[in-house]
Each structure stands twice: as structure tokens, then as C-alpha cells.
N, C-alpha and C. Protein backbone atom coordinates (compact mmCIF):
# COMPACT_ATOMS: atom_id res chain seq x y z
N UNK A 1 -25.48 10.62 -9.69
CA UNK A 1 -24.44 9.74 -10.17
C UNK A 1 -23.15 10.00 -9.40
N UNK A 2 -22.54 8.94 -8.89
CA UNK A 2 -21.31 9.08 -8.12
C UNK A 2 -20.10 9.17 -9.04
N UNK A 3 -19.18 10.03 -8.68
CA UNK A 3 -17.92 10.14 -9.41
C UNK A 3 -16.97 9.09 -8.85
N UNK A 4 -16.31 8.30 -9.72
CA UNK A 4 -15.39 7.28 -9.21
C UNK A 4 -14.21 7.91 -8.48
N UNK A 5 -13.71 7.19 -7.51
CA UNK A 5 -12.52 7.65 -6.78
C UNK A 5 -11.33 7.71 -7.73
N UNK A 6 -10.43 8.69 -7.55
CA UNK A 6 -9.29 8.82 -8.46
C UNK A 6 -8.45 7.56 -8.57
N UNK A 7 -8.27 6.82 -7.46
CA UNK A 7 -7.43 5.63 -7.52
C UNK A 7 -8.17 4.44 -8.11
N UNK A 8 -9.46 4.61 -8.47
CA UNK A 8 -10.20 3.53 -9.12
C UNK A 8 -9.85 3.48 -10.61
N UNK A 9 -9.23 4.52 -11.11
CA UNK A 9 -8.84 4.60 -12.52
C UNK A 9 -7.61 3.72 -12.74
N UNK A 10 -7.62 2.83 -13.75
CA UNK A 10 -6.45 1.98 -13.99
C UNK A 10 -5.15 2.76 -14.16
N UNK A 11 -5.21 3.92 -14.82
CA UNK A 11 -4.01 4.73 -15.00
C UNK A 11 -3.48 5.20 -13.65
N UNK A 12 -4.37 5.62 -12.76
CA UNK A 12 -3.97 6.05 -11.42
C UNK A 12 -3.34 4.93 -10.63
N UNK A 13 -3.91 3.75 -10.74
CA UNK A 13 -3.37 2.59 -10.02
C UNK A 13 -1.96 2.28 -10.51
N UNK A 14 -1.76 2.32 -11.82
CA UNK A 14 -0.44 2.04 -12.37
C UNK A 14 0.58 3.10 -11.94
N UNK A 15 0.17 4.35 -11.86
CA UNK A 15 1.08 5.41 -11.41
C UNK A 15 1.51 5.17 -9.97
N UNK A 16 0.57 4.78 -9.13
CA UNK A 16 0.90 4.49 -7.72
C UNK A 16 1.83 3.29 -7.64
N UNK A 17 1.52 2.23 -8.36
CA UNK A 17 2.38 1.03 -8.33
C UNK A 17 3.80 1.37 -8.79
N UNK A 18 3.92 2.15 -9.85
CA UNK A 18 5.25 2.53 -10.35
C UNK A 18 6.00 3.39 -9.34
N UNK A 19 5.29 4.26 -8.64
CA UNK A 19 5.93 5.12 -7.65
C UNK A 19 6.39 4.33 -6.42
N UNK A 20 5.63 3.30 -6.05
CA UNK A 20 5.91 2.54 -4.83
C UNK A 20 6.91 1.41 -5.07
N UNK A 21 7.09 0.97 -6.31
CA UNK A 21 7.94 -0.18 -6.61
C UNK A 21 9.36 -0.07 -6.05
N UNK A 22 10.07 1.07 -6.22
CA UNK A 22 11.43 1.14 -5.66
C UNK A 22 11.44 1.01 -4.13
N UNK A 23 10.48 1.62 -3.47
CA UNK A 23 10.41 1.52 -2.01
C UNK A 23 10.11 0.09 -1.59
N UNK A 24 9.19 -0.57 -2.28
CA UNK A 24 8.85 -1.95 -1.97
C UNK A 24 10.06 -2.87 -2.17
N UNK A 25 10.81 -2.62 -3.23
CA UNK A 25 12.01 -3.42 -3.49
C UNK A 25 13.02 -3.28 -2.35
N UNK A 26 13.24 -2.04 -1.89
CA UNK A 26 14.16 -1.83 -0.78
C UNK A 26 13.66 -2.54 0.48
N UNK A 27 12.37 -2.37 0.78
CA UNK A 27 11.82 -2.99 1.99
C UNK A 27 11.96 -4.50 1.96
N UNK A 28 11.73 -5.11 0.82
CA UNK A 28 11.89 -6.57 0.71
C UNK A 28 13.34 -6.99 0.97
N UNK A 29 14.29 -6.14 0.59
CA UNK A 29 15.71 -6.47 0.83
C UNK A 29 16.04 -6.49 2.31
N UNK A 30 15.20 -5.84 3.13
CA UNK A 30 15.40 -5.86 4.59
C UNK A 30 14.26 -6.60 5.28
N UNK A 31 13.67 -7.57 4.56
CA UNK A 31 12.62 -8.47 5.08
C UNK A 31 11.38 -7.73 5.57
N UNK A 32 10.95 -6.74 4.79
CA UNK A 32 9.73 -6.00 5.11
C UNK A 32 8.83 -5.99 3.88
N UNK A 33 7.54 -5.75 4.10
CA UNK A 33 6.59 -5.64 3.00
C UNK A 33 5.69 -4.45 3.23
N UNK A 34 5.45 -3.69 2.19
CA UNK A 34 4.57 -2.54 2.24
C UNK A 34 3.19 -2.98 1.76
N UNK A 35 2.15 -2.68 2.56
CA UNK A 35 0.78 -3.08 2.22
C UNK A 35 -0.14 -1.87 2.19
N UNK A 36 -1.03 -1.85 1.22
CA UNK A 36 -2.05 -0.82 1.12
C UNK A 36 -3.40 -1.52 1.13
N UNK A 37 -4.36 -0.97 1.85
CA UNK A 37 -5.72 -1.52 1.85
C UNK A 37 -6.69 -0.42 2.25
N UNK A 38 -7.96 -0.69 2.10
CA UNK A 38 -9.01 0.23 2.55
C UNK A 38 -9.66 -0.38 3.78
N UNK A 39 -9.91 0.45 4.79
CA UNK A 39 -10.61 -0.03 5.97
C UNK A 39 -12.12 0.04 5.72
N UNK A 40 -12.91 -0.31 6.75
CA UNK A 40 -14.36 -0.37 6.60
C UNK A 40 -14.98 0.97 6.22
N UNK A 41 -14.35 2.07 6.60
CA UNK A 41 -14.90 3.39 6.29
C UNK A 41 -14.38 3.93 4.96
N UNK A 42 -13.54 3.16 4.25
CA UNK A 42 -13.05 3.58 2.94
C UNK A 42 -11.73 4.31 2.98
N UNK A 43 -11.17 4.52 4.18
CA UNK A 43 -9.87 5.18 4.29
C UNK A 43 -8.75 4.25 3.85
N UNK A 44 -7.71 4.80 3.24
CA UNK A 44 -6.56 4.00 2.83
C UNK A 44 -5.65 3.82 4.03
N UNK A 45 -5.27 2.57 4.29
CA UNK A 45 -4.38 2.22 5.39
C UNK A 45 -3.09 1.68 4.78
N UNK A 46 -1.96 2.17 5.27
CA UNK A 46 -0.65 1.72 4.81
C UNK A 46 0.04 1.04 5.99
N UNK A 47 0.57 -0.15 5.75
CA UNK A 47 1.25 -0.89 6.82
C UNK A 47 2.58 -1.42 6.32
N UNK A 48 3.55 -1.49 7.24
CA UNK A 48 4.83 -2.14 6.97
C UNK A 48 4.84 -3.41 7.81
N UNK A 49 5.02 -4.55 7.15
CA UNK A 49 4.96 -5.85 7.82
C UNK A 49 6.32 -6.55 7.74
N UNK A 50 6.71 -7.22 8.82
CA UNK A 50 7.92 -8.03 8.86
C UNK A 50 7.64 -9.32 8.10
N UNK A 51 8.43 -9.63 7.07
CA UNK A 51 8.19 -10.83 6.27
C UNK A 51 8.49 -12.11 7.03
N UNK A 52 9.36 -12.05 8.01
CA UNK A 52 9.73 -13.25 8.76
C UNK A 52 8.65 -13.65 9.77
N UNK A 53 8.16 -12.67 10.53
CA UNK A 53 7.20 -12.97 11.60
C UNK A 53 5.76 -12.67 11.21
N UNK A 54 5.55 -11.85 10.18
CA UNK A 54 4.20 -11.44 9.81
C UNK A 54 3.67 -10.29 10.64
N UNK A 55 4.46 -9.81 11.60
CA UNK A 55 4.06 -8.73 12.50
C UNK A 55 3.99 -7.40 11.77
N UNK A 56 2.97 -6.59 12.09
CA UNK A 56 2.89 -5.23 11.56
C UNK A 56 3.83 -4.37 12.39
N UNK A 57 4.79 -3.75 11.72
CA UNK A 57 5.79 -2.93 12.39
C UNK A 57 5.29 -1.50 12.55
N UNK A 58 4.65 -0.98 11.49
CA UNK A 58 4.13 0.38 11.51
C UNK A 58 2.90 0.42 10.63
N UNK A 59 1.92 1.23 11.05
CA UNK A 59 0.69 1.36 10.28
C UNK A 59 0.19 2.79 10.37
N UNK A 60 -0.37 3.28 9.25
CA UNK A 60 -0.92 4.63 9.24
C UNK A 60 -2.20 4.60 8.43
N UNK A 61 -3.26 5.19 8.83
CA UNK A 61 -3.55 5.69 10.16
C UNK A 61 -3.77 4.58 11.13
């Protein structure tokens, strides 16, 4: 039986959203957006995107 990933827990997701909200608000004020996603191998990818052009400014990893 597989153990669920910690961020699969609704409580964990809400904690992350609450922690990221102030940063996201600041980035939007300077026309940027913070994005989180999983790549094909399951790694979490974080990107900062320009809201005007849609260009990815920075991405990790």
C-alpha cells in the first residue's frame, strides 16, 4: 500500500496556499505570477511568469 504524498493532504495544501498568498499578492502587484506544478517525473516545479507577456522569467528546477 502506497503512502500518500504529504502535499496530497487537504490540510497540507491549505497550509502551502496560506504561506504563498502574501508572496503571490506582491508578485501580482509587479505583473508577475507564481506557478507550482509537477513535471512528468513527479518533481515540483516552481515558475515565475510575466503576466503581460506570458514569458517564464525564472523556474526551479
